[in-house]
Amino acid sequence: MEIPISISGIASVSALGSSSEEVWQRYRDAIPLFTQRAVGDSLLWVSEVASETEQELQALQQDTRYKKVDRSVLLAILAARKAVLLKHFSEKNTGINIGSSRGATQLFEDYHSTFLKEKAVSAYASPTTTLGNISSWVGQDLGAAGVRIEHSVTCSTALHALLNGIAWLQAGMADAFVVGGSEAALTPFTFAQMQALRLYSASKNKMACESMRLRKTKNTMVLGEGAAIAVIEAGTSERTRAVVKGYGFASEIITHNSSISKDANCFQQSMRKALQKASLESVDCIVMHAPGTVQGDTAEYNAIRAVFKEQLPLLTSNKWLVGHTFAASGMLSLELAVMMLEHNRLVENPFFANRRHAPTTLKSIMINAVGFGGNAVSIIISKP
C-alpha cells in the first residue's frame, strides 16, 4: 500500500503578495494585479511581484552570496524560506526540485548582450545561467543535504516537480521534498517570443487576461513573474495542510509545438488517471490551467466535458488575476486550491459562470497544468 503524501507547507511570491494572508486577501479582492510596461513600441500588461516582495528581493541581494544570481533564483529563495520550517527538516533527507521554463532569463540576456558587444563574458556567466541553478541555490540557502534536481517542462514544470517528489518519497529515497517553480521572464526577448506567437493580450482594459472566457476570438495571455514552493512529506502529521489523493500525467502527439489538440487528449488522460488513483468519480472543483488563449482555454474545457460529461465540477482559474507565470503557474494554482480547502470558499472566475452552487464543504480539488508539447499533469488534493 502506498504511503500517503502530505503537503506540509506551501508559499509563493508574486503579484498576489508575499504572505499567505496577503495572497488570500488578493483572491478575495478579485482585482486583476496587472500594470503596464513599455516594451519596444508596445505598451503591455504585465504581472509584477508586489512592492513588499521587491523590497525583500533587494534586501536579499545585499547578501554577498546572492549579488550575482538571477532574479529567478532570488524569487525561489524567498518563496522557499516562507514555505519551509527549517526546524522540521534539520535531520531529514530533504530533496529539492524547483524548475523553470525560461531559467536565468535576465542574466542570460544581459551576458549575451555583453558578449555581442565585447566578444567576452564574465566568469560568472556559465555557473549562474545553468538550468540547475535554482535548486542548487535554494538547497544552499536552506542547508538541505539531499538531492537537488531542476528541469523544464515549460508551463507544467512545477507540477512535474511535485510528481518527481512523490516518486522519491514513495521509493523511500527521501523523507521530504521541496518542489515548485520559479519564473522571472519579464525580459525583452521573452516578450518578443510571446508576441511572435501572437499569444499576448492587446486589451486596453485592466481585465486583460480573459482566462476561461470561452467565446473570445483573440488570445489574451498576460505574462507574470513569481515563484511558488511546496513541501511534501511521506505520511501525515500535525503540519499537514492537504493530502495528495491522486495524480495523473500524459503527453500527446502534437501538430504544432505550442499547442494541444482540440479536445486536449493529454488532459483527458491525466485527469482520468488522477481520478483512478484517488478512487474518485468526480471532484468538487477544478483549478484550470486556462492561460487566456483561445485554443488553450477551449481545449481544456472540452477535455473536462469529455471526462465529467454534464456533471461538471466547479471550475475556476487564477491567471485572469495574476497572469501566466510559466513554470510557477501550476504551483500557484495548487496554493489556491489548498487555500480554498482551508477556508472552505470557492474563488470564482469572473469570465465563467458555474452552473451549480458550491457544496457546503469543499473536500477535493483537482489542479491542471500543461506545457508546450502537450505535457499535462493533473493533481487531486483533499483536506487532511
Protein backbone atom coordinates (compact mmCIF):
# COMPACT_ATOMS: atom_id res chain seq x y z
CA MET A 1 0.00 0.00 0.00
CA GLU A 2 1.37 3.40 -0.96
CA ILE A 3 2.31 5.89 1.73
CA PRO A 4 0.06 8.98 1.77
CA ILE A 5 1.76 12.16 0.61
CA SER A 6 1.05 15.32 2.55
CA ILE A 7 1.60 18.97 1.73
CA SER A 8 3.05 20.37 4.93
CA GLY A 9 3.99 23.79 3.62
CA ILE A 10 3.23 25.96 0.62
CA ALA A 11 4.05 29.58 -0.15
CA SER A 12 4.57 31.95 -3.05
CA VAL A 13 5.87 35.35 -4.05
CA SER A 14 4.10 37.06 -6.93
CA ALA A 15 1.78 39.98 -7.64
CA LEU A 16 -0.54 38.33 -5.11
CA GLY A 17 1.83 39.23 -2.28
CA SER A 18 4.48 37.58 -0.15
CA SER A 19 2.49 36.14 2.76
CA SER A 20 -0.41 33.70 2.93
CA GLU A 21 -2.62 36.39 4.43
CA GLU A 22 -1.86 38.81 1.59
CA VAL A 23 -2.36 36.16 -1.08
CA TRP A 24 -5.74 35.09 0.27
CA GLN A 25 -6.87 38.72 0.61
CA ARG A 26 -5.94 39.44 -3.00
CA TYR A 27 -8.01 36.44 -4.08
CA ARG A 28 -10.93 37.78 -2.07
CA ASP A 29 -10.48 41.29 -3.53
CA ALA A 30 -10.74 39.82 -7.05
CA ILE A 31 -8.99 42.76 -8.75
CA PRO A 32 -6.51 41.96 -11.58
CA LEU A 33 -2.95 42.63 -10.46
CA PHE A 34 -1.62 44.00 -13.74
CA THR A 35 0.46 47.05 -14.51
CA GLN A 36 1.53 48.41 -17.89
CA ARG A 37 5.08 48.33 -19.17
CA ALA A 38 6.61 49.84 -22.31
CA VAL A 39 8.09 47.03 -24.40
CA GLY A 40 9.58 48.30 -27.64
CA ASP A 41 6.81 50.17 -29.42
CA SER A 42 4.11 48.43 -27.37
CA LEU A 43 2.52 49.07 -24.01
CA LEU A 44 1.88 45.65 -22.47
CA TRP A 45 0.06 44.48 -19.37
CA VAL A 46 2.34 42.52 -17.03
CA SER A 47 2.07 40.97 -13.57
CA GLU A 48 4.99 42.08 -11.41
CA VAL A 49 5.76 40.98 -7.87
CA ALA A 50 4.20 43.06 -5.12
CA SER A 51 6.17 46.07 -3.83
CA GLU A 52 6.84 44.35 -0.49
CA THR A 53 8.38 41.41 -2.33
CA GLU A 54 10.53 43.76 -4.42
CA GLN A 55 11.92 45.21 -1.20
CA GLU A 56 12.64 41.69 0.09
CA LEU A 57 14.45 40.87 -3.16
CA GLN A 58 16.62 43.97 -2.84
CA ALA A 59 17.45 43.13 0.77
CA LEU A 60 18.31 39.54 -0.18
CA GLN A 61 20.68 40.71 -2.88
CA GLN A 62 22.66 42.64 -0.28
CA ASP A 63 23.91 39.23 0.85
CA THR A 64 27.26 38.80 -0.92
CA ARG A 65 26.33 35.22 -1.84
CA TYR A 66 23.42 36.40 -3.95
CA LYS A 67 24.76 39.52 -5.65
CA LYS A 68 25.31 37.78 -8.99
CA VAL A 69 22.47 35.25 -9.16
CA ASP A 70 19.46 35.59 -11.45
CA ARG A 71 16.15 37.05 -10.32
CA SER A 72 14.53 33.62 -10.75
CA VAL A 73 16.88 32.28 -8.06
CA LEU A 74 16.09 35.15 -5.69
CA LEU A 75 12.34 34.62 -6.12
CA ALA A 76 12.71 30.90 -5.41
CA ILE A 77 14.82 31.51 -2.29
CA LEU A 78 12.21 33.91 -0.89
CA ALA A 79 9.33 31.53 -1.58
CA ALA A 80 11.22 28.55 -0.15
CA ARG A 81 12.03 30.44 3.05
CA LYS A 82 8.33 31.11 3.53
CA ALA A 83 7.28 27.52 2.76
CA VAL A 84 9.92 25.60 4.72
CA LEU A 85 10.07 25.47 8.51
CA LEU A 86 13.75 24.64 8.95
CA LYS A 87 13.31 23.19 12.43
CA HIS A 88 11.24 20.36 10.95
CA PHE A 89 13.85 19.38 8.37
CA SER A 90 17.23 19.71 10.08
CA GLU A 91 17.58 15.95 10.42
CA LYS A 92 15.62 14.89 7.35
CA ASN A 93 16.85 13.72 3.97
CA THR A 94 15.24 16.59 2.09
CA GLY A 95 15.40 16.82 -1.69
CA ILE A 96 14.93 19.93 -3.80
CA ASN A 97 13.20 20.05 -7.20
CA ILE A 98 12.38 23.58 -8.35
CA GLY A 99 12.12 24.05 -12.09
CA SER A 100 11.84 26.92 -14.53
CA SER A 101 10.53 27.33 -18.05
CA ARG A 102 13.00 30.02 -19.12
CA GLY A 103 15.68 29.70 -16.46
CA ALA A 104 18.08 32.57 -15.74
CA THR A 105 16.45 34.73 -18.41
CA GLN A 106 17.55 38.14 -17.23
CA LEU A 107 21.20 37.21 -16.66
CA PHE A 108 21.41 35.21 -19.87
CA GLU A 109 20.11 38.12 -21.95
CA ASP A 110 22.50 40.53 -20.20
CA TYR A 111 25.52 38.27 -20.64
CA HIS A 112 24.67 37.56 -24.26
CA SER A 113 24.26 41.27 -24.99
CA THR A 114 27.68 41.94 -23.44
CA PHE A 115 29.20 39.13 -25.48
CA LEU A 116 27.86 40.55 -28.74
CA LYS A 117 29.36 43.94 -27.91
CA GLU A 118 32.63 42.97 -26.28
CA LYS A 119 33.24 39.39 -27.50
CA ALA A 120 33.86 38.37 -23.89
CA VAL A 121 31.78 37.41 -20.86
CA SER A 122 32.12 37.30 -17.09
CA ALA A 123 33.45 34.18 -15.39
CA TYR A 124 30.07 34.07 -13.63
CA ALA A 125 28.16 33.65 -16.90
CA SER A 126 28.16 29.87 -17.05
CA PRO A 127 27.60 28.91 -13.38
CA THR A 128 24.81 31.46 -12.90
CA THR A 129 22.79 30.56 -16.01
CA THR A 130 22.74 26.76 -15.85
CA LEU A 131 19.35 25.09 -15.59
CA GLY A 132 20.21 23.56 -12.21
CA ASN A 133 20.96 26.96 -10.75
CA ILE A 134 17.66 27.47 -8.88
CA SER A 135 17.50 24.19 -6.97
CA SER A 136 21.21 24.37 -6.14
CA TRP A 137 20.96 27.84 -4.60
CA VAL A 138 17.74 27.08 -2.72
CA GLY A 139 19.40 23.96 -1.31
CA GLN A 140 22.40 26.03 -0.25
CA ASP A 141 20.17 28.61 1.39
CA LEU A 142 18.11 26.03 3.28
CA GLY A 143 21.08 23.90 4.17
CA ALA A 144 19.44 20.82 2.64
CA ALA A 145 21.87 17.97 2.04
CA GLY A 146 19.60 15.88 -0.20
CA VAL A 147 19.42 15.65 -3.96
CA ARG A 148 18.90 18.87 -5.95
CA ILE A 149 17.12 18.49 -9.29
CA GLU A 150 15.96 21.01 -11.85
CA HIS A 151 14.07 20.59 -15.08
CA SER A 152 11.88 22.43 -17.56
CA VAL A 153 8.56 21.12 -18.80
CA THR A 154 7.59 24.69 -19.64
CA CYS A 155 4.25 25.60 -18.04
CA SER A 156 3.70 22.26 -16.26
CA THR A 157 7.16 22.35 -14.67
CA ALA A 158 6.04 22.89 -11.06
CA LEU A 159 3.53 20.04 -11.07
CA HIS A 160 6.09 17.76 -12.71
CA ALA A 161 8.40 18.68 -9.82
CA LEU A 162 5.64 17.56 -7.46
CA LEU A 163 5.40 14.26 -9.34
CA ASN A 164 9.16 13.78 -9.02
CA GLY A 165 9.00 14.46 -5.29
CA ILE A 166 6.17 11.94 -4.86
CA ALA A 167 8.20 9.28 -6.69
CA TRP A 168 11.25 9.83 -4.47
CA LEU A 169 9.16 9.72 -1.30
CA GLN A 170 7.28 6.59 -2.37
CA ALA A 171 10.60 4.93 -3.20
CA GLY A 172 11.93 5.71 0.28
CA MET A 173 14.80 7.73 -1.19
CA ALA A 174 13.88 10.91 0.69
CA ASP A 175 11.93 11.98 3.79
CA ALA A 176 10.73 15.29 2.39
CA PHE A 177 10.89 17.21 -0.86
CA VAL A 178 10.81 20.94 -1.61
CA VAL A 179 9.11 21.28 -5.00
CA GLY A 180 7.89 24.09 -7.22
CA GLY A 181 8.70 26.53 -9.97
CA SER A 182 10.21 29.97 -10.38
CA GLU A 183 9.97 32.41 -13.27
CA ALA A 184 11.45 35.87 -13.81
CA ALA A 185 10.81 36.22 -17.51
CA LEU A 186 9.65 39.84 -17.81
CA THR A 187 12.50 40.49 -20.23
CA PRO A 188 12.62 41.95 -23.76
CA PHE A 189 13.47 38.69 -25.52
CA THR A 190 10.72 36.75 -23.72
CA PHE A 191 8.12 39.40 -24.56
CA ALA A 192 9.25 39.25 -28.17
CA GLN A 193 8.78 35.46 -28.22
CA MET A 194 5.23 35.67 -26.86
CA GLN A 195 4.34 38.44 -29.32
CA ALA A 196 5.78 36.40 -32.18
CA LEU A 197 3.43 33.57 -31.19
CA ARG A 198 0.56 36.10 -31.19
CA LEU A 199 -0.48 34.98 -27.72
CA TYR A 200 -0.18 38.29 -25.87
CA SER A 201 -3.17 40.35 -24.81
CA ALA A 202 -3.72 43.57 -26.73
CA SER A 203 -6.52 44.68 -24.42
CA LYS A 204 -6.67 48.27 -23.21
CA ASN A 205 -8.73 47.15 -20.23
CA LYS A 206 -7.18 46.00 -16.95
CA MET A 207 -9.25 42.81 -17.23
CA ALA A 208 -6.68 41.99 -19.87
CA CYS A 209 -6.31 38.24 -19.37
CA GLU A 210 -9.64 36.63 -20.23
CA SER A 211 -8.79 33.25 -18.78
CA MET A 212 -11.83 30.92 -19.11
CA ARG A 213 -13.80 33.31 -21.32
CA LEU A 214 -14.67 30.60 -23.80
CA ARG A 215 -16.17 32.78 -26.51
CA LYS A 216 -13.24 35.11 -27.01
CA THR A 217 -11.81 35.42 -30.51
CA LYS A 218 -8.37 36.77 -29.61
CA ASN A 219 -5.56 35.48 -27.41
CA THR A 220 -5.29 37.33 -24.09
CA MET A 221 -2.28 35.91 -22.29
CA VAL A 222 -0.54 38.25 -19.81
CA LEU A 223 2.95 37.37 -18.60
CA GLY A 224 3.71 37.33 -14.89
CA GLU A 225 6.68 36.66 -12.62
CA GLY A 226 6.90 34.79 -9.36
CA ALA A 227 7.82 31.62 -7.54
CA ALA A 228 5.70 29.06 -5.69
CA ILE A 229 7.08 26.31 -3.48
CA ALA A 230 5.53 23.38 -1.61
CA VAL A 231 6.97 21.00 0.97
CA ILE A 232 5.76 17.43 0.67
CA GLU A 233 6.34 14.57 3.11
CA ALA A 234 5.59 10.89 3.35
CA GLY A 235 2.72 10.30 5.76
CA THR A 236 0.66 12.88 7.61
CA SER A 237 1.33 14.94 10.73
CA GLU A 238 0.08 17.99 12.62
CA ARG A 239 1.78 20.08 9.91
CA THR A 240 -0.30 18.59 7.08
CA ARG A 241 -2.30 21.23 5.21
CA ALA A 242 -3.61 18.96 2.45
CA VAL A 243 -3.16 15.41 1.20
CA VAL A 244 -2.34 14.41 -2.38
CA LYS A 245 -5.12 11.94 -3.19
CA GLY A 246 -4.41 11.37 -6.87
CA TYR A 247 -2.15 12.31 -9.71
CA GLY A 248 -2.03 11.73 -13.43
CA PHE A 249 0.14 12.79 -16.33
CA ALA A 250 0.09 12.34 -20.08
CA SER A 251 1.54 13.65 -23.32
CA GLU A 252 0.11 13.71 -26.80
CA ILE A 253 1.34 13.84 -30.38
CA ILE A 254 1.03 17.45 -31.44
CA THR A 255 0.76 19.17 -34.80
CA HIS A 256 2.24 22.48 -33.61
CA ASN A 257 4.90 22.82 -30.92
CA SER A 258 2.98 25.47 -28.98
CA SER A 259 -0.47 23.87 -28.97
CA ILE A 260 -2.53 20.93 -27.80
CA SER A 261 -5.28 19.06 -29.62
CA LYS A 262 -8.79 20.46 -29.96
CA ASP A 263 -10.11 18.27 -27.14
CA ALA A 264 -6.84 18.18 -25.15
CA ASN A 265 -6.35 14.43 -25.18
CA CYS A 266 -3.41 14.84 -22.81
CA PHE A 267 -5.68 16.43 -20.21
CA GLN A 268 -8.35 13.78 -20.66
CA GLN A 269 -5.76 11.10 -19.89
CA SER A 270 -4.14 12.94 -16.98
CA MET A 271 -7.49 13.72 -15.33
CA ARG A 272 -8.77 10.14 -15.69
CA LYS A 273 -5.53 8.76 -14.23
CA ALA A 274 -5.75 11.16 -11.28
CA LEU A 275 -9.36 10.18 -10.59
CA GLN A 276 -8.49 6.50 -10.79
CA LYS A 277 -5.53 6.96 -8.45
CA ALA A 278 -7.75 8.78 -5.95
CA SER A 279 -10.59 6.21 -6.33
CA LEU A 280 -12.96 9.08 -7.18
CA GLU A 281 -15.54 9.54 -9.90
CA SER A 282 -15.51 13.32 -9.58
CA VAL A 283 -14.12 16.24 -7.57
CA ASP A 284 -15.73 19.32 -6.08
CA CYS A 285 -13.67 21.82 -8.08
CA ILE A 286 -11.02 22.09 -10.80
CA VAL A 287 -8.43 24.86 -10.90
CA MET A 288 -7.86 25.04 -14.63
CA HIS A 289 -4.60 25.86 -16.41
CA ALA A 290 -6.56 28.23 -18.71
CA PRO A 291 -3.78 30.54 -19.97
CA GLY A 292 -6.15 33.02 -21.60
CA THR A 293 -5.53 31.80 -25.15
CA VAL A 294 -8.36 30.85 -27.48
CA GLN A 295 -7.19 27.31 -28.13
CA GLY A 296 -5.71 26.59 -24.70
CA ASP A 297 -8.83 27.54 -22.72
CA THR A 298 -11.28 25.86 -25.08
CA ALA A 299 -9.31 22.64 -25.44
CA GLU A 300 -9.03 22.17 -21.68
CA TYR A 301 -12.74 22.86 -21.21
CA ASN A 302 -13.55 20.33 -23.95
CA ALA A 303 -11.39 17.78 -22.13
CA ILE A 304 -13.19 18.42 -18.84
CA ARG A 305 -16.55 17.98 -20.57
CA ALA A 306 -15.33 14.71 -22.10
CA VAL A 307 -14.27 13.34 -18.69
CA PHE A 308 -17.04 14.66 -16.43
CA LYS A 309 -19.87 14.87 -19.00
CA GLU A 310 -22.75 17.08 -17.89
CA GLN A 311 -21.92 16.79 -14.18
CA LEU A 312 -19.13 19.34 -14.27
CA PRO A 313 -17.28 20.18 -11.07
CA LEU A 314 -16.98 23.83 -10.17
CA LEU A 315 -14.39 25.43 -12.46
CA THR A 316 -12.06 28.32 -11.75
CA SER A 317 -8.57 29.69 -12.52
CA ASN A 318 -6.26 32.45 -11.31
CA LYS A 319 -4.47 33.72 -14.43
CA TRP A 320 -7.12 36.39 -15.00
CA LEU A 321 -5.84 37.82 -11.71
CA VAL A 322 -2.09 37.16 -11.65
CA GLY A 323 -1.17 36.37 -15.27
CA HIS A 324 0.76 33.39 -16.58
CA THR A 325 3.88 32.74 -14.53
CA PHE A 326 5.02 29.86 -16.74
CA ALA A 327 6.87 27.31 -14.55
CA ALA A 328 5.44 28.71 -11.31
CA SER A 329 1.83 28.71 -12.53
CA GLY A 330 0.89 25.14 -11.58
CA MET A 331 2.15 25.59 -8.01
CA LEU A 332 0.32 28.92 -7.71
CA SER A 333 -2.82 27.03 -8.71
CA LEU A 334 -2.06 24.35 -6.12
CA GLU A 335 -1.62 27.06 -3.48
CA LEU A 336 -5.03 28.48 -4.43
CA ALA A 337 -6.56 25.00 -4.10
CA VAL A 338 -5.03 24.48 -0.65
CA MET A 339 -6.38 27.86 0.49
CA MET A 340 -9.86 27.15 -0.86
CA LEU A 341 -9.92 23.87 1.08
CA GLU A 342 -8.70 25.56 4.26
CA HIS A 343 -11.15 28.47 4.01
CA ASN A 344 -13.92 26.31 2.51
CA ARG A 345 -14.53 29.02 -0.07
CA LEU A 346 -14.58 28.98 -3.87
CA VAL A 347 -12.64 31.76 -5.60
CA GLU A 348 -14.74 32.45 -8.68
CA ASN A 349 -13.53 33.34 -12.15
CA PRO A 350 -15.42 36.42 -13.47
CA PHE A 351 -15.36 35.15 -17.06
CA PHE A 352 -17.08 31.84 -16.32
CA ALA A 353 -20.46 31.13 -14.72
CA ASN A 354 -20.61 27.81 -12.89
CA ARG A 355 -23.93 26.06 -13.33
CA ARG A 356 -24.24 24.91 -9.74
CA HIS A 357 -23.61 26.36 -6.31
CA ALA A 358 -20.57 25.41 -4.27
CA PRO A 359 -21.12 22.40 -2.00
CA THR A 360 -21.41 23.03 1.72
CA THR A 361 -17.90 21.67 2.19
CA LEU A 362 -15.11 21.62 -0.37
CA LYS A 363 -13.48 18.22 0.06
CA SER A 364 -11.47 17.55 -3.09
CA ILE A 365 -9.94 19.81 -5.73
CA MET A 366 -8.16 18.97 -8.98
CA ILE A 367 -5.36 21.17 -10.34
CA ASN A 368 -4.40 21.10 -14.03
CA ALA A 369 -1.27 22.28 -15.82
CA VAL A 370 0.09 21.74 -19.32
CA GLY A 371 3.22 22.89 -21.11
CA PHE A 372 4.32 23.41 -24.70
CA GLY A 373 4.48 19.99 -26.28
CA GLY A 374 1.30 18.68 -24.66
CA ASN A 375 2.79 17.61 -21.29
CA ALA A 376 -0.24 17.60 -18.98
CA VAL A 377 -0.42 16.98 -15.23
CA SER A 378 -3.49 16.66 -13.02
CA ILE A 379 -3.25 16.61 -9.21
CA ILE A 380 -6.10 15.93 -6.76
CA ILE A 381 -5.82 17.16 -3.18
CA SER A 382 -8.15 16.81 -0.23
CA LYS A 383 -8.41 18.00 3.34
CA PRO A 384 -6.25 16.07 5.84
